[in-house]
C-alpha cells in the first residue's frame, strides 16, 4: 500500500521489527468508518513470529 492508499478489508498484515511497527516515516494506520450513530468496535490483534 503506497502513500494515500486505503485498505477496505477485514484483515491487515503489518510488519513488526524489534517490537515496533515497521512503517515508513510518513506511514500510519487509521480506523475510519462511516456510521450513522455511535457503536462499539472491537479490534483484535494476532501476533505471530519469533
C-alpha atoms as a PDB file:
ATOM      1  CA  UNK A   1       0.000   0.000   0.000  1.00  0.00           C
ATOM      2  CA  UNK A   2       1.502   3.267  -1.045  1.00  0.00           C
ATOM      3  CA  UNK A   3       1.025   6.828   0.095  1.00  0.00           C
ATOM      4  CA  UNK A   4      -2.650   7.704   0.372  1.00  0.00           C
ATOM      5  CA  UNK A   5      -3.773   4.096  -0.119  1.00  0.00           C
ATOM      6  CA  UNK A   6      -6.727   2.608   1.685  1.00  0.00           C
ATOM      7  CA  UNK A   7      -7.415  -0.938   2.752  1.00  0.00           C
ATOM      8  CA  UNK A   8     -11.097  -1.842   2.777  1.00  0.00           C
ATOM      9  CA  UNK A   9     -10.853  -5.419   4.018  1.00  0.00           C
ATOM     10  CA  UNK A  10     -11.239  -7.187   7.324  1.00  0.00           C
ATOM     11  CA  UNK A  11      -7.561  -8.053   7.776  1.00  0.00           C
ATOM     12  CA  UNK A  12      -4.322  -6.141   7.588  1.00  0.00           C
ATOM     13  CA  UNK A  13      -0.786  -7.509   7.914  1.00  0.00           C
ATOM     14  CA  UNK A  14       1.794  -5.131   9.378  1.00  0.00           C
ATOM     15  CA  UNK A  15       5.488  -5.983   9.813  1.00  0.00           C
ATOM     16  CA  UNK A  16       6.968  -5.584  13.296  1.00  0.00           C
ATOM     17  CA  UNK A  17      10.719  -5.322  13.881  1.00  0.00           C
ATOM     18  CA  UNK A  18      12.315  -5.151  17.319  1.00  0.00           C
ATOM     19  CA  UNK A  19       8.908  -4.806  18.992  1.00  0.00           C
ATOM     20  CA  UNK A  20       7.929  -1.760  16.885  1.00  0.00           C
ATOM     21  CA  UNK A  21       5.755  -1.308  13.836  1.00  0.00           C
ATOM     22  CA  UNK A  22       7.934  -1.333  10.708  1.00  0.00           C
ATOM     23  CA  UNK A  23       6.267   1.617   8.985  1.00  0.00           C
ATOM     24  CA  UNK A  24       7.870   4.325   6.891  1.00  0.00           C
ATOM     25  CA  UNK A  25       8.374   7.887   8.124  1.00  0.00           C
ATOM     26  CA  UNK A  26       5.015   9.150   6.851  1.00  0.00           C
ATOM     27  CA  UNK A  27       3.002   5.947   7.172  1.00  0.00           C
ATOM     28  CA  UNK A  28       0.318   5.294   9.761  1.00  0.00           C
ATOM     29  CA  UNK A  29      -2.677   3.104  10.484  1.00  0.00           C
ATOM     30  CA  UNK A  30      -6.110   4.654  10.957  1.00  0.00           C
ATOM     31  CA  UNK A  31      -9.548   3.158  11.516  1.00  0.00           C
ATOM     32  CA  UNK A  32     -12.146   5.213   9.669  1.00  0.00           C
ATOM     33  CA  UNK A  33     -15.768   4.163   9.466  1.00  0.00           C
ATOM     34  CA  UNK A  34     -18.894   5.800   8.119  1.00  0.00           C
ATOM     35  CA  UNK A  35     -21.663   5.233  10.669  1.00  0.00           C
ATOM     36  CA  UNK A  36     -24.983   6.961  11.248  1.00  0.00           C
ATOM     37  CA  UNK A  37     -24.805   6.530  15.045  1.00  0.00           C
ATOM     38  CA  UNK A  38     -22.277   5.575  17.698  1.00  0.00           C
ATOM     39  CA  UNK A  39     -21.385   1.929  18.220  1.00  0.00           C
ATOM     40  CA  UNK A  40     -18.741  -0.185  19.924  1.00  0.00           C
ATOM     41  CA  UNK A  41     -15.812  -1.513  17.909  1.00  0.00           C
ATOM     42  CA  UNK A  42     -13.582  -4.416  18.922  1.00  0.00           C
ATOM     43  CA  UNK A  43     -10.098  -4.600  17.422  1.00  0.00           C
ATOM     44  CA  UNK A  44      -8.295  -7.927  17.734  1.00  0.00           C
ATOM     45  CA  UNK A  45      -4.530  -8.258  17.285  1.00  0.00           C
ATOM     46  CA  UNK A  46      -2.863 -11.572  16.479  1.00  0.00           C
ATOM     47  CA  UNK A  47       0.918 -11.506  16.830  1.00  0.00           C
ATOM     48  CA  UNK A  48       2.982 -14.319  15.334  1.00  0.00           C
ATOM     49  CA  UNK A  49       6.717 -14.595  14.962  1.00  0.00           C
ATOM     50  CA  UNK A  50       9.997 -15.441  16.564  1.00  0.00           C
END
